[in-house]
């Protein structure tokens, strides 16, 4: 099982590169994405996480409070649940 650790900002400036790198990565299938180092997140970052969760069935860990607050605003909080 693959583990991907994200850090820094997950926003409109960083997501395109991450999307290109990980959106179709079969190595993430059923893997773990740690958000322990994520310092900030916007709607683009939330979109990336929800897409990875839906497409690859990833498990998220260390979800920061800011991500949960944003997810709650978009009514997708359950997609950030840590399994």
Protein backbone atom coordinates (compact mmCIF):
# COMPACT_ATOMS: atom_id res chain seq x y z
CA UNK A 1 0.00 0.00 0.00
CA UNK A 2 1.40 3.35 -1.07
CA UNK A 3 1.70 6.32 1.26
CA UNK A 4 1.80 9.86 -0.03
CA UNK A 5 2.66 12.68 2.37
CA UNK A 6 1.55 16.14 1.35
CA UNK A 7 2.94 19.33 2.85
CA UNK A 8 2.80 23.08 2.48
CA UNK A 9 -0.11 24.68 0.70
CA UNK A 10 -2.80 22.78 -1.18
CA UNK A 11 -4.17 25.61 -3.26
CA UNK A 12 -4.78 26.83 -6.78
CA UNK A 13 -1.07 27.36 -7.36
CA UNK A 14 0.11 23.93 -6.17
CA UNK A 15 -2.79 21.66 -7.11
CA UNK A 16 -2.27 21.57 -10.91
CA UNK A 17 1.14 19.94 -10.51
CA UNK A 18 -0.12 17.53 -7.86
CA UNK A 19 -3.15 16.71 -10.01
CA UNK A 20 -0.97 15.92 -13.03
CA UNK A 21 1.30 13.75 -10.91
CA UNK A 22 -1.25 11.83 -8.83
CA UNK A 23 -4.73 11.90 -10.40
CA UNK A 24 -4.11 8.84 -12.55
CA UNK A 25 -1.45 7.17 -10.40
CA UNK A 26 -2.56 3.57 -9.97
CA UNK A 27 0.02 3.20 -7.19
CA UNK A 28 -2.31 5.25 -4.95
CA UNK A 29 -5.14 2.74 -5.28
CA UNK A 30 -6.24 1.95 -1.74
CA UNK A 31 -3.27 3.85 -0.34
CA UNK A 32 -2.84 6.44 2.37
CA UNK A 33 -2.46 10.19 1.99
CA UNK A 34 -1.08 11.97 5.04
CA UNK A 35 -1.89 15.65 5.39
CA UNK A 36 0.34 16.12 8.44
CA UNK A 37 2.45 18.80 6.76
CA UNK A 38 -0.36 20.71 5.06
CA UNK A 39 -0.25 24.31 6.25
CA UNK A 40 -3.15 25.72 4.21
CA UNK A 41 -5.86 24.51 1.86
CA UNK A 42 -8.37 26.13 -0.47
CA UNK A 43 -11.17 24.78 -2.65
CA UNK A 44 -8.69 23.51 -5.26
CA UNK A 45 -6.93 21.44 -2.59
CA UNK A 46 -10.24 20.12 -1.36
CA UNK A 47 -11.18 19.16 -4.92
CA UNK A 48 -7.91 17.25 -5.28
CA UNK A 49 -8.46 15.32 -2.06
CA UNK A 50 -12.04 14.42 -2.85
CA UNK A 51 -11.09 13.32 -6.38
CA UNK A 52 -8.28 11.12 -5.07
CA UNK A 53 -10.61 9.66 -2.45
CA UNK A 54 -13.33 8.89 -4.97
CA UNK A 55 -11.06 7.66 -7.77
CA UNK A 56 -8.47 5.70 -5.82
CA UNK A 57 -10.23 4.86 -2.55
CA UNK A 58 -7.41 6.46 -0.58
CA UNK A 59 -7.46 6.80 3.18
CA UNK A 60 -6.67 10.23 4.57
CA UNK A 61 -4.73 10.75 7.79
CA UNK A 62 -3.80 13.81 9.81
CA UNK A 63 -6.54 15.94 8.23
CA UNK A 64 -6.06 19.54 9.44
CA UNK A 65 -8.92 21.47 10.99
CA UNK A 66 -8.87 24.01 8.14
CA UNK A 67 -9.59 21.23 5.63
CA UNK A 68 -12.50 19.99 7.72
CA UNK A 69 -13.93 23.49 8.01
CA UNK A 70 -13.73 23.99 4.26
CA UNK A 71 -15.22 20.55 3.57
CA UNK A 72 -18.09 21.32 5.92
CA UNK A 73 -18.80 24.53 3.98
CA UNK A 74 -19.04 22.50 0.75
CA UNK A 75 -21.01 19.69 2.43
CA UNK A 76 -18.37 17.05 1.62
CA UNK A 77 -16.98 16.57 5.11
CA UNK A 78 -17.58 12.81 5.07
CA UNK A 79 -15.11 12.50 2.20
CA UNK A 80 -12.37 13.61 4.57
CA UNK A 81 -13.17 11.06 7.25
CA UNK A 82 -10.14 9.18 8.41
CA UNK A 83 -10.71 5.46 8.07
